[in-house]
C-alpha atoms as a PDB file:
ATOM      1  CA  MET A   1       3.618 -78.987  12.097  1.00  0.00           C
ATOM      2  CA  PRO A   2       5.101 -80.995  14.744  1.00  0.00           C
ATOM      3  CA  ILE A   3       7.788 -79.370  17.120  1.00  0.00           C
ATOM      4  CA  GLU A   4      10.936 -81.735  18.069  1.00  0.00           C
ATOM      5  CA  ILE A   5      12.253 -80.969  21.117  1.00  0.00           C
ATOM      6  CA  ARG A   6      15.974 -81.961  21.089  1.00  0.00           C
ATOM      7  CA  GLU A   7      17.148 -80.999  24.554  1.00  0.00           C
ATOM      8  CA  LEU A   8      15.169 -80.158  27.653  1.00  0.00           C
ATOM      9  CA  VAL A   9      16.727 -79.038  30.747  1.00  0.00           C
ATOM     10  CA  ILE A  10      15.090 -78.540  34.101  1.00  0.00           C
ATOM     11  CA  LYS A  11      16.821 -76.862  37.046  1.00  0.00           C
ATOM     12  CA  VAL A  12      14.994 -77.387  40.531  1.00  0.00           C
ATOM     13  CA  THR A  13      16.443 -76.485  43.639  1.00  0.00           C
ATOM     14  CA  VAL A  14      15.182 -78.722  46.601  1.00  0.00           C
ATOM     15  CA  THR A  15      15.596 -77.591  50.249  1.00  0.00           C
ATOM     16  CA  GLU A  16      15.049 -80.128  53.113  1.00  0.00           C
ATOM     17  CA  GLU A  17      16.541 -77.920  55.504  1.00  0.00           C
ATOM     18  CA  GLN A  18      13.347 -76.637  56.812  1.00  0.00           C
ATOM     19  CA  LYS A  19      11.633 -79.806  56.746  1.00  0.00           C
ATOM     20  CA  LYS A  20      14.277 -81.557  58.869  1.00  0.00           C
ATOM     21  CA  VAL A  21      14.154 -78.491  61.626  1.00  0.00           C
ATOM     22  CA  SER A  22      10.399 -79.215  61.622  1.00  0.00           C
ATOM     23  CA  GLN A  23      10.974 -82.631  62.207  1.00  0.00           C
ATOM     24  CA  LEU A  24      13.541 -82.363  64.678  1.00  0.00           C
ATOM     25  CA  LYS A  25      11.556 -80.152  66.504  1.00  0.00           C
ATOM     26  CA  GLU A  26       8.506 -82.176  66.399  1.00  0.00           C
ATOM     27  CA  LEU A  27      10.515 -85.086  67.383  1.00  0.00           C
ATOM     28  CA  GLN A  28      12.195 -83.258  70.514  1.00  0.00           C
ATOM     29  CA  GLU A  29       8.477 -82.540  71.444  1.00  0.00           C
ATOM     30  CA  ILE A  30       7.599 -86.257  71.350  1.00  0.00           C
ATOM     31  CA  LYS A  31      10.285 -86.980  73.447  1.00  0.00           C
ATOM     32  CA  ASN A  32      10.012 -84.768  76.057  1.00  0.00           C
ATOM     33  CA  GLU A  33       6.346 -85.765  76.089  1.00  0.00           C
ATOM     34  CA  LEU A  34       7.762 -89.659  76.950  1.00  0.00           C
ATOM     35  CA  ILE A  35      10.136 -88.541  79.237  1.00  0.00           C
ATOM     36  CA  LYS A  36       7.691 -86.393  81.016  1.00  0.00           C
ATOM     37  CA  LYS A  37       5.098 -89.184  81.219  1.00  0.00           C
ATOM     38  CA  CYS A  38       7.738 -91.811  82.597  1.00  0.00           C
ATOM     39  CA  VAL A  39       8.847 -89.418  85.284  1.00  0.00           C
ATOM     40  CA  GLU A  40       4.984 -89.258  86.291  1.00  0.00           C
ATOM     41  CA  GLN A  41       4.670 -92.807  86.701  1.00  0.00           C
ATOM     42  CA  VAL A  42       8.243 -93.270  88.266  1.00  0.00           C
ATOM     43  CA  MET A  43       7.264 -90.642  91.148  1.00  0.00           C
ATOM     44  CA  THR A  44       3.851 -92.033  91.201  1.00  0.00           C
ATOM     45  CA  ARG A  45       5.156 -95.763  92.087  1.00  0.00           C
ATOM     46  CA  LEU A  46       7.821 -94.293  94.556  1.00  0.00           C
ATOM     47  CA  GLU A  47       5.345 -92.428  96.360  1.00  0.00           C
ATOM     48  CA  SER A  48       3.122 -95.434  96.875  1.00  0.00           C
ATOM     49  CA  LEU A  49       6.224 -97.628  98.404  1.00  0.00           C
ATOM     50  CA  PRO A  50       6.308 -97.950 101.917  1.00  0.00           C
ATOM     51  CA  GLU A  51       9.024 -95.587 103.468  1.00  0.00           C
ATOM     52  CA  ARG A  52      12.300 -97.578 105.288  1.00  0.00           C
END
C-alpha cells in the first residue's frame, strides 16, 4: 500500500561564519606573503643601486 506525504518540513541551520573566518585567515596569509616578497624585491633593487 503506497504512503502519501502531504507535508514535508526540512529544517537546516547553515553556519558560514567559521568558513569565512578560515578564508579570511588564509587570505591574510597570502597577502602577508605577497607583501614580504615585494619588500624583498624592492630592498634587493635598492641595494643594487649606486649610492649618491
